[in-house]
Amino acid sequence: MACWRGVCKRCASTHGNKLEDHYVLGKSVGTGAFCTVYLASCKKTQNPTAAPRRRPVDHGGPVKVFERGEGPDHNGPEVAFHNEKRMLQLVSHPNVISLVDAFEDARAFQLVVEFCGGGELFDKVLDDGAITERQAAMLMKQICSPLAFMHKVHVCHRDLKPEHFLLARSGPLDAVPLKLIDFGLATSFTPGAKLTDCPGTVMYVAPEILTQSYEPPACDLWSFGVVVFLMLSGVSPFDAETAKQVAKNVRKVNYSFSARSWEEVSQDGRAFIAALLQKDLAQRLTAAEALDHPWLKDLAPNSSEPWADLEGLG
């Protein structure tokens, strides 16, 4: 990451200071509805002989820049900035990307977040060429664990998809922590209260979101189920030629385990997915229940390994 909170003395407290006092922005690596993401380097001032228990320093990291808006939606960037900042402050968890610092000036608002050097999870799977069902369960447990924590503090992510899972650093899948990122669409919720917007990507959204009347946080568990399906088979459960057809498949819960890739997946794995991809919210697993499911809790105990070639993920 750019620098760790408390390691760099000048970054330990940035209240009233400017981003450029502490970081040098590099190239743009992505854009969102209200922000542009840049790699950045920290202007290092930490003592290299600091306490040996300090977390390691990386020289690069992402900064999300929200340019102050103009026109009818001029408050959009500011609202997005404060929402994402608040969400990250609420969901401090080992498997959630950390908020390092926040700044604002006359031109923009900026969030500095943890650098994850291992890249996207599915890119790593493709590079490795294969994954066992036990490995998949281990990785999915690292996704479900922060969901359970978030939902307990009444935060719903609402945008779970493969590109939002990063590896904290380079290394074997079995040894590197997984991080959930991008809380731009996350929201606080009151149990029982309904929302009426339609966030997310159609391939991963729950059917109730398409009705624009839904109660968080169950929609996260549906999206999680889609990710598990993709991880175990290499294909998306509701894939179609157009977004309209995808949405139709989602509404009808039109998926199957008939593809050849499912032949070596345990019955526990298929049952776990089926319990997540439930249209009836009363039947859909909660995050806490998912963590207690045998497939996740015991890491695919009935699997046969190794088994999967996931070239289809590309």
Protein backbone atom coordinates (compact mmCIF):
# COMPACT_ATOMS: atom_id res chain seq x y z
CA MET A 1 0.00 0.00 0.00
CA ALA A 2 1.06 3.62 -0.22
CA CYS A 3 1.90 3.72 3.47
CA TRP A 4 0.50 2.11 6.58
CA ARG A 5 -1.39 4.13 9.15
CA GLY A 6 1.04 5.03 11.91
CA VAL A 7 4.21 3.94 10.08
CA CYS A 8 4.80 7.14 8.15
CA LYS A 9 4.93 9.97 10.69
CA ARG A 10 3.62 12.54 8.27
CA CYS A 11 0.69 10.29 7.40
CA ALA A 12 -0.23 9.48 10.97
CA SER A 13 -2.53 12.50 11.10
CA THR A 14 -3.52 14.36 7.95
CA HIS A 15 -6.34 16.50 9.31
CA GLY A 16 -6.15 19.88 7.62
CA ASN A 17 -3.38 18.79 5.22
CA LYS A 18 -3.44 18.12 1.49
CA LEU A 19 -2.96 14.89 -0.41
CA GLU A 20 0.08 16.27 -2.23
CA ASP A 21 1.79 16.88 1.11
CA HIS A 22 2.01 13.12 1.56
CA TYR A 23 1.58 11.41 -1.82
CA VAL A 24 2.66 11.70 -5.44
CA LEU A 25 -0.06 10.60 -7.85
CA GLY A 26 0.96 8.28 -10.67
CA LYS A 27 -0.98 6.78 -13.55
CA SER A 28 -4.73 6.31 -13.67
CA VAL A 29 -5.73 2.67 -13.32
CA GLY A 30 -9.53 2.92 -13.41
CA THR A 31 -12.62 5.07 -13.28
CA GLY A 32 -15.96 4.91 -11.51
CA ALA A 33 -19.19 6.85 -11.64
CA PHE A 34 -17.77 9.68 -9.54
CA CYS A 35 -14.06 8.96 -9.15
CA THR A 36 -10.80 8.14 -10.87
CA VAL A 37 -8.36 5.69 -9.29
CA TYR A 38 -4.64 6.46 -9.41
CA LEU A 39 -1.58 4.61 -8.25
CA ALA A 40 0.39 6.77 -5.86
CA SER A 41 3.65 6.75 -3.95
CA CYS A 42 4.12 7.92 -0.39
CA LYS A 43 6.65 10.64 0.37
CA LYS A 44 8.50 8.42 2.82
CA THR A 45 9.62 9.96 6.09
CA GLN A 46 9.32 6.94 8.39
CA ASN A 47 12.29 5.77 10.38
CA PRO A 48 13.56 2.50 8.83
CA THR A 49 14.63 1.34 12.26
CA ALA A 50 11.13 1.63 13.71
CA ALA A 51 9.70 -1.11 15.89
CA PRO A 52 10.12 -4.51 14.19
CA ARG A 53 6.42 -5.35 14.68
CA ARG A 54 5.31 -2.59 12.34
CA ARG A 55 3.50 -3.62 9.16
CA PRO A 56 5.57 -3.55 5.96
CA VAL A 57 5.65 -0.49 3.71
CA ASP A 58 4.92 -0.71 0.01
CA HIS A 59 5.90 2.16 -2.25
CA GLY A 60 2.75 2.21 -4.36
CA GLY A 61 -0.95 2.30 -3.66
CA PRO A 62 -4.35 3.40 -4.94
CA VAL A 63 -5.94 6.81 -4.40
CA LYS A 64 -9.57 7.40 -5.37
CA VAL A 65 -10.04 10.99 -6.51
CA PHE A 66 -13.56 12.44 -6.52
CA GLU A 67 -13.51 15.67 -8.56
CA ARG A 68 -15.91 18.27 -7.20
CA GLY A 69 -18.93 18.27 -9.49
CA GLU A 70 -20.73 20.88 -11.55
CA GLY A 71 -24.23 21.00 -12.96
CA PRO A 72 -27.39 19.29 -11.67
CA ASP A 73 -25.47 16.42 -10.01
CA HIS A 74 -22.76 18.61 -8.52
CA ASN A 75 -23.14 17.01 -5.09
CA GLY A 76 -22.68 13.48 -6.46
CA PRO A 77 -18.91 13.20 -5.98
CA GLU A 78 -19.03 14.63 -2.45
CA VAL A 79 -21.86 12.31 -1.43
CA ALA A 80 -20.04 9.31 -2.97
CA PHE A 81 -16.80 10.23 -1.20
CA HIS A 82 -18.38 10.58 2.24
CA ASN A 83 -20.45 7.42 1.78
CA GLU A 84 -17.48 5.25 0.81
CA LYS A 85 -15.33 6.77 3.55
CA ARG A 86 -18.01 6.02 6.14
CA MET A 87 -18.56 2.47 4.88
CA LEU A 88 -14.85 1.67 5.08
CA GLN A 89 -14.68 3.09 8.59
CA LEU A 90 -17.57 0.86 9.65
CA VAL A 91 -16.29 -2.40 8.16
CA SER A 92 -12.75 -2.78 9.47
CA HIS A 93 -12.04 -6.49 8.90
CA PRO A 94 -8.98 -8.56 7.88
CA ASN A 95 -10.64 -9.46 4.57
CA VAL A 96 -11.80 -5.93 3.71
CA ILE A 97 -9.54 -3.35 2.12
CA SER A 98 -8.40 -0.76 4.65
CA LEU A 99 -8.92 2.98 4.50
CA VAL A 100 -5.49 4.56 4.97
CA ASP A 101 -6.35 8.24 4.79
CA ALA A 102 -8.80 10.82 3.45
CA PHE A 103 -8.29 14.35 2.17
CA GLU A 104 -10.28 17.14 0.59
CA ASP A 105 -9.37 20.43 -1.07
CA ALA A 106 -10.97 23.03 -3.33
CA ARG A 107 -10.67 20.73 -6.34
CA ALA A 108 -11.46 17.23 -5.11
CA PHE A 109 -11.96 14.68 -2.36
CA GLN A 110 -9.45 11.81 -2.06
CA LEU A 111 -9.46 8.40 -0.40
CA VAL A 112 -6.18 6.55 0.08
CA VAL A 113 -6.76 2.82 0.44
CA GLU A 114 -4.69 -0.26 1.09
CA PHE A 115 -2.55 -1.57 -1.75
CA CYS A 116 -3.21 -5.20 -2.70
CA GLY A 117 -0.19 -6.42 -4.64
CA GLY A 118 -1.54 -9.85 -5.61
CA GLY A 119 -4.05 -8.58 -8.17
CA GLU A 120 -7.53 -9.91 -8.88
CA LEU A 121 -8.45 -13.32 -7.50
CA PHE A 122 -9.71 -14.74 -10.79
CA ASP A 123 -6.62 -13.55 -12.67
CA LYS A 124 -4.53 -15.53 -10.19
CA VAL A 125 -6.73 -18.59 -10.69
CA LEU A 126 -6.23 -18.30 -14.45
CA ASP A 127 -2.48 -17.91 -14.04
CA ASP A 128 -2.34 -21.03 -11.87
CA GLY A 129 -4.50 -22.89 -14.42
CA ALA A 130 -6.43 -24.97 -11.88
CA ILE A 131 -7.99 -24.82 -8.46
CA THR A 132 -9.19 -27.54 -6.11
CA GLU A 133 -12.63 -27.52 -4.55
CA ARG A 134 -11.00 -27.23 -1.13
CA GLN A 135 -9.07 -24.15 -2.27
CA ALA A 136 -12.29 -22.67 -3.61
CA ALA A 137 -14.02 -23.23 -0.28
CA MET A 138 -11.12 -21.63 1.57
CA LEU A 139 -11.28 -18.55 -0.65
CA MET A 140 -15.06 -18.30 -0.47
CA LYS A 141 -14.87 -18.46 3.33
CA GLN A 142 -12.66 -15.36 3.18
CA ILE A 143 -15.45 -13.62 1.26
CA CYS A 144 -18.29 -14.79 3.48
CA SER A 145 -16.55 -13.91 6.74
CA PRO A 146 -16.48 -10.13 6.08
CA LEU A 147 -20.05 -10.31 4.77
CA ALA A 148 -21.18 -11.73 8.10
CA PHE A 149 -19.36 -8.94 9.93
CA MET A 150 -20.69 -6.21 7.63
CA HIS A 151 -24.26 -7.41 7.90
CA LYS A 152 -23.97 -7.54 11.69
CA VAL A 153 -23.13 -3.81 11.68
CA HIS A 154 -25.89 -3.18 9.12
CA VAL A 155 -23.76 -2.54 6.04
CA CYS A 156 -24.64 -4.12 2.67
CA HIS A 157 -22.02 -4.13 -0.12
CA ARG A 158 -24.48 -4.47 -3.07
CA ASP A 159 -21.76 -4.91 -5.70
CA LEU A 160 -20.12 -8.27 -5.14
CA LYS A 161 -18.44 -9.54 -8.32
CA PRO A 162 -15.15 -11.22 -9.23
CA GLU A 163 -13.14 -8.05 -9.90
CA HIS A 164 -13.89 -6.82 -6.39
CA PHE A 165 -11.82 -9.54 -4.75
CA LEU A 166 -8.08 -8.90 -4.60
CA LEU A 167 -5.16 -10.81 -3.13
CA ALA A 168 -3.30 -8.84 -0.49
CA ARG A 169 0.08 -9.72 -1.98
CA SER A 170 1.73 -12.09 -4.42
CA GLY A 171 1.98 -15.71 -3.37
CA PRO A 172 0.14 -19.06 -3.34
CA LEU A 173 -3.65 -19.00 -3.16
CA ASP A 174 -3.50 -21.04 0.03
CA ALA A 175 -1.29 -18.52 1.81
CA VAL A 176 -2.41 -15.03 0.76
CA PRO A 177 -5.32 -13.18 2.38
CA LEU A 178 -8.22 -12.14 0.16
CA LYS A 179 -9.60 -8.59 0.31
CA LEU A 180 -13.05 -7.27 -0.58
CA ILE A 181 -12.83 -3.86 -2.26
CA ASP A 182 -14.95 -1.08 -3.78
CA PHE A 183 -17.61 0.13 -1.37
CA GLY A 184 -18.93 2.77 -3.75
CA LEU A 185 -22.40 1.20 -3.81
CA ALA A 186 -22.39 0.02 -0.20
CA THR A 187 -25.07 1.32 2.12
CA SER A 188 -26.14 1.24 5.71
CA PHE A 189 -29.55 -0.32 6.26
CA THR A 190 -32.25 -0.67 8.86
CA PRO A 191 -33.49 -4.26 9.22
CA GLY A 192 -36.89 -4.60 7.60
CA ALA A 193 -36.66 -1.32 5.69
CA LYS A 194 -36.84 -1.51 1.90
CA LEU A 195 -34.63 0.16 -0.72
CA THR A 196 -35.84 1.13 -4.19
CA ASP A 197 -32.70 1.71 -6.26
CA CYS A 198 -31.10 -0.86 -8.55
CA PRO A 199 -27.32 -1.02 -7.97
CA GLY A 200 -24.78 -3.53 -9.20
CA THR A 201 -24.11 -5.57 -12.36
CA VAL A 202 -26.99 -7.55 -13.81
CA MET A 203 -25.01 -10.82 -13.93
CA TYR A 204 -24.61 -10.74 -10.15
CA VAL A 205 -27.67 -8.88 -8.81
CA ALA A 206 -30.39 -10.65 -6.87
CA PRO A 207 -33.86 -10.94 -8.44
CA GLU A 208 -35.38 -8.72 -5.76
CA ILE A 209 -33.08 -5.86 -6.77
CA LEU A 210 -34.50 -6.01 -10.29
CA THR A 211 -37.93 -5.29 -8.77
CA GLN A 212 -36.48 -2.14 -7.17
CA SER A 213 -38.03 -3.06 -3.85
CA TYR A 214 -35.81 -5.11 -1.57
CA GLU A 215 -34.58 -5.54 1.99
CA PRO A 216 -30.80 -5.70 2.50
CA PRO A 217 -28.61 -7.56 3.15
CA ALA A 218 -29.90 -10.77 1.52
CA CYS A 219 -28.93 -9.48 -1.94
CA ASP A 220 -25.24 -9.86 -1.00
CA LEU A 221 -25.74 -13.59 -0.42
CA TRP A 222 -27.26 -14.07 -3.87
CA SER A 223 -24.29 -12.31 -5.46
CA PHE A 224 -21.98 -14.43 -3.32
CA GLY A 225 -23.73 -17.53 -4.66
CA VAL A 226 -23.08 -16.41 -8.24
CA VAL A 227 -19.39 -15.95 -7.43
CA VAL A 228 -19.19 -19.42 -5.84
CA PHE A 229 -20.88 -20.92 -8.91
CA LEU A 230 -18.36 -19.21 -11.17
CA MET A 231 -15.42 -20.24 -9.02
CA LEU A 232 -16.43 -23.91 -9.03
CA SER A 233 -17.41 -24.25 -12.68
CA GLY A 234 -15.66 -21.54 -14.67
CA VAL A 235 -18.97 -20.29 -16.09
CA SER A 236 -21.64 -17.83 -14.93
CA PRO A 237 -24.99 -19.34 -13.87
CA PHE A 238 -27.20 -16.82 -15.67
CA ASP A 239 -25.08 -15.99 -18.71
CA ALA A 240 -26.86 -14.98 -21.93
CA GLU A 241 -26.25 -12.97 -25.08
CA THR A 242 -27.88 -9.78 -23.81
CA ALA A 243 -28.35 -8.06 -20.45
CA LYS A 244 -32.11 -8.38 -20.91
CA GLN A 245 -31.80 -12.16 -21.27
CA VAL A 246 -29.48 -12.32 -18.26
CA ALA A 247 -32.05 -10.43 -16.18
CA LYS A 248 -34.76 -12.84 -17.36
CA ASN A 249 -32.63 -15.82 -16.27
CA VAL A 250 -32.04 -14.17 -12.89
CA ARG A 251 -35.74 -13.53 -12.34
CA LYS A 252 -36.58 -17.13 -13.21
CA VAL A 253 -33.57 -18.51 -11.29
CA ASN A 254 -32.67 -20.28 -14.51
CA TYR A 255 -29.41 -22.11 -13.91
CA SER A 256 -28.29 -25.73 -13.83
CA PHE A 257 -25.49 -28.05 -12.76
CA SER A 258 -25.59 -29.97 -16.02
CA ALA A 259 -22.29 -28.71 -17.46
CA ARG A 260 -19.42 -31.18 -17.52
CA SER A 261 -17.45 -29.04 -15.08
CA TRP A 262 -19.88 -30.03 -12.31
CA GLU A 263 -19.19 -33.76 -12.56
CA GLU A 264 -16.36 -33.62 -10.03
CA VAL A 265 -17.92 -31.06 -7.68
CA SER A 266 -19.19 -32.52 -4.42
CA GLN A 267 -22.87 -32.67 -3.59
CA ASP A 268 -22.12 -30.37 -0.65
CA GLY A 269 -20.80 -27.71 -3.04
CA ARG A 270 -23.88 -27.86 -5.23
CA ALA A 271 -26.19 -27.80 -2.20
CA PHE A 272 -24.36 -24.76 -0.87
CA ILE A 273 -24.91 -22.84 -4.09
CA ALA A 274 -28.56 -23.90 -4.28
CA ALA A 275 -29.09 -22.57 -0.75
CA LEU A 276 -27.67 -19.20 -1.79
CA LEU A 277 -29.46 -18.85 -5.14
CA GLN A 278 -32.90 -18.91 -3.55
CA LYS A 279 -35.49 -16.43 -4.81
CA ASP A 280 -37.40 -16.75 -1.54
CA LEU A 281 -35.46 -14.66 0.97
CA ALA A 282 -36.74 -16.81 3.83
CA GLN A 283 -35.02 -19.80 2.23
CA ARG A 284 -31.78 -18.05 1.24
CA LEU A 285 -28.86 -18.52 3.61
CA THR A 286 -27.69 -15.57 5.66
CA ALA A 287 -23.95 -14.93 5.83
CA ALA A 288 -23.81 -16.41 9.34
CA GLU A 289 -25.69 -19.52 8.17
CA ALA A 290 -23.40 -19.83 5.14
CA LEU A 291 -20.34 -19.83 7.40
CA ASP A 292 -21.91 -22.73 9.31
CA HIS A 293 -22.70 -24.76 6.17
CA PRO A 294 -20.57 -27.95 6.01
CA TRP A 295 -19.09 -27.05 2.62
CA LEU A 296 -17.73 -23.74 3.92
CA LYS A 297 -17.19 -24.57 7.58
CA ASP A 298 -15.22 -27.76 6.89
CA LEU A 299 -13.74 -26.62 3.54
CA ALA A 300 -15.40 -29.04 1.10
CA PRO A 301 -14.85 -32.18 3.21
CA ASN A 302 -16.34 -34.52 0.58
CA SER A 303 -14.45 -33.20 -2.42
CA SER A 304 -12.11 -35.18 -4.66
CA GLU A 305 -8.97 -33.22 -5.48
CA PRO A 306 -7.40 -31.89 -7.62
CA TRP A 307 -10.23 -31.55 -10.06
CA ALA A 308 -10.84 -28.28 -11.89
CA ASP A 309 -9.32 -26.58 -14.92
CA LEU A 310 -10.78 -23.08 -14.91
CA GLU A 311 -9.80 -21.80 -18.35
CA GLY A 312 -13.46 -20.85 -18.77
CA LEU A 313 -12.97 -18.00 -16.31
CA GLY A 314 -11.29 -15.98 -19.05
